[in-house]
Protein backbone atom coordinates (compact mmCIF):
# COMPACT_ATOMS: atom_id res chain seq x y z
CA MET A 1 14.27 120.36 -181.28
CA ARG A 2 15.84 120.58 -184.70
CA VAL A 3 15.24 121.99 -188.15
CA ASP A 4 15.87 119.74 -191.13
CA LEU A 5 15.40 121.71 -194.35
CA ARG A 6 16.30 118.68 -196.47
CA ALA A 7 13.34 116.80 -194.97
CA ALA A 8 11.03 119.62 -196.04
CA ALA A 9 12.36 119.38 -199.60
CA ARG A 10 11.65 115.64 -199.62
CA THR A 11 8.00 116.09 -198.60
CA PRO A 12 5.78 114.50 -201.27
CA ARG A 13 3.56 116.90 -203.22
CA LYS A 14 0.48 114.89 -202.21
CA ASP A 15 1.23 115.65 -198.56
CA LEU A 16 1.73 119.35 -199.28
CA LEU A 17 -1.55 119.49 -201.21
CA LEU A 18 -3.38 117.79 -198.35
CA ARG A 19 -2.04 120.35 -195.87
CA PHE A 20 -2.95 123.18 -198.23
CA ALA A 21 -6.47 121.81 -198.68
CA PHE A 22 -7.06 121.59 -194.92
CA GLY A 23 -5.78 125.14 -194.43
CA ALA A 24 -7.84 126.50 -197.31
CA GLY A 25 -10.96 124.72 -196.05
CA VAL A 26 -10.65 126.19 -192.57
CA SER A 27 -9.92 129.64 -194.02
CA LEU A 28 -13.05 129.37 -196.14
CA LEU A 29 -15.04 128.35 -193.08
CA ALA A 30 -13.64 131.35 -191.20
CA ALA A 31 -14.70 133.65 -194.05
CA VAL A 32 -18.24 132.26 -194.01
CA VAL A 33 -18.46 132.54 -190.22
CA SER A 34 -17.10 136.11 -190.40
CA ARG A 35 -19.74 137.02 -192.93
CA LEU A 36 -22.53 135.52 -190.81
CA PHE A 37 -21.43 136.42 -187.28
CA GLY A 38 -18.83 139.17 -187.61
CA SER A 39 -15.08 139.37 -187.87
CA PHE A 40 -14.38 138.71 -184.19
CA VAL A 41 -16.07 135.29 -184.27
CA GLY A 42 -14.60 134.49 -187.69
CA GLY A 43 -11.12 135.36 -186.47
CA VAL A 44 -11.36 132.66 -183.84
CA PHE A 45 -11.70 130.10 -186.62
CA LEU A 46 -8.50 131.32 -188.24
CA ALA A 47 -6.65 130.21 -185.13
CA PHE A 48 -7.83 126.64 -185.71
CA PRO A 49 -4.81 124.48 -186.46
CA ALA A 50 -6.06 123.05 -189.75
CA ILE A 51 -2.61 122.20 -190.97
CA LEU A 52 -1.87 120.41 -187.70
CA LEU A 53 -4.62 117.86 -188.32
CA ALA A 54 -3.28 116.99 -191.74
CA SER A 55 0.31 117.00 -190.53
CA LEU A 56 -0.36 114.72 -187.58
CA THR A 57 -2.15 112.26 -189.85
CA LEU A 58 0.78 112.20 -192.25
CA VAL A 59 3.37 111.95 -189.47
CA ALA A 60 1.47 109.05 -187.88
CA GLU A 61 1.38 107.21 -191.21
CA GLU A 62 5.02 107.84 -192.11
CA GLU A 63 6.86 108.01 -188.78
CA GLY A 64 4.51 106.32 -186.33
CA LEU A 65 2.22 107.29 -183.51
CA MET A 66 4.99 108.30 -181.12
CA SER A 67 6.27 110.95 -183.52
CA ALA A 68 2.73 112.21 -184.08
CA ARG A 69 2.21 112.36 -180.30
CA ASP A 70 5.41 114.37 -179.89
CA ASP A 71 4.30 116.79 -182.60
CA ALA A 72 0.89 117.14 -180.93
CA ARG A 73 2.56 117.89 -177.60
CA GLY A 74 4.71 120.53 -179.25
CA ALA A 75 1.64 122.09 -180.83
CA ALA A 76 -0.10 122.17 -177.44
CA LEU A 77 2.87 123.98 -175.88
CA GLY A 78 2.95 126.42 -178.78
CA THR A 79 -0.77 127.01 -178.30
CA LEU A 80 -0.15 128.07 -174.71
CA GLY A 81 2.25 130.65 -176.11
CA LEU A 82 -0.33 131.72 -178.67
CA VAL A 83 -2.85 132.35 -175.89
CA ALA A 84 -0.26 134.48 -174.08
CA PHE A 85 0.35 136.38 -177.34
CA ALA A 86 -3.36 137.05 -177.77
CA VAL A 87 -3.85 138.24 -174.18
CA VAL A 88 -0.86 140.60 -174.26
CA ALA A 89 -1.74 141.93 -177.72
CA ALA A 90 -5.38 142.52 -176.76
CA ALA A 91 -4.34 144.34 -173.60
CA LEU A 92 -1.69 146.56 -175.22
CA LEU A 93 -2.99 147.32 -178.72
CA ARG A 94 -5.70 149.66 -177.47
CA HIS A 95 -3.31 151.99 -175.66
CA HIS A 96 0.14 151.55 -177.21
CA SER A 97 1.78 151.49 -180.61
CA ALA A 98 1.46 148.34 -182.70
CA TRP A 99 5.24 147.83 -182.62
CA LEU A 100 5.32 147.85 -178.82
CA ALA A 101 2.20 145.71 -178.41
CA LEU A 102 3.19 143.09 -180.99
CA GLY A 103 6.79 143.03 -179.77
CA ALA A 104 5.64 142.42 -176.20
CA ALA A 105 3.11 139.83 -177.38
CA THR A 106 5.81 138.00 -179.34
CA ALA A 107 8.09 138.02 -176.30
CA ALA A 108 5.22 136.62 -174.20
CA TRP A 109 4.67 133.85 -176.77
CA LEU A 110 8.36 132.96 -176.72
CA VAL A 111 8.66 132.96 -172.92
CA VAL A 112 5.48 130.94 -172.36
CA SER A 113 6.15 128.40 -175.13
CA LEU A 114 9.78 127.79 -174.19
CA GLY A 115 8.91 127.85 -170.49
CA ALA A 116 6.22 125.21 -171.01
CA TYR A 117 8.66 123.14 -173.06
CA GLY A 118 11.27 123.42 -170.31
CA ILE A 119 8.77 122.37 -167.65
CA ALA A 120 7.55 119.44 -169.75
CA ARG A 121 11.11 118.36 -170.38
CA ALA A 122 12.16 118.73 -166.73
CA THR A 123 9.16 116.75 -165.50
CA GLY A 124 9.74 113.97 -168.03
CA VAL A 125 6.50 114.34 -169.99
CA GLY A 126 6.47 111.59 -172.59
CA GLY A 127 9.57 109.94 -171.15
CA ASP A 128 7.54 107.03 -169.79
CA GLU A 129 6.58 105.81 -173.26
CA ARG A 130 8.47 103.00 -174.88
CA SER A 131 9.87 103.41 -178.35
CA PRO A 132 9.19 100.78 -181.02
CA ALA A 133 12.88 99.79 -180.77
CA ASP A 134 12.28 98.76 -177.14
CA GLY A 135 9.91 96.05 -178.36
């Protein structure tokens, strides 16, 4: 894992606009669903990874399918952490302060996401794929 801020600065505006449009579209859908079916159901739509779809498409075009697959795997592991966050927050927010509940939920997200990453790495998930350089 690494962070490359220079790469973010080099991202073409077209790509940023595409990501923004996907995110805005899903947010609009969530607002409509909330209006029709209530905020609980609409909130589920806000968790939809709209930006991920656009990002994976762009990564696949620019860096290849293997990079897009790696990003999708990372998103899946992060989603496991997000589920842990939601479960802990839902359980604690009713009976404890927001600071305690959200702090514990954030810790759960971190432990589950990094734990899943560690397990995937230790078991060699994705290691069986050949890179384009291998021919």
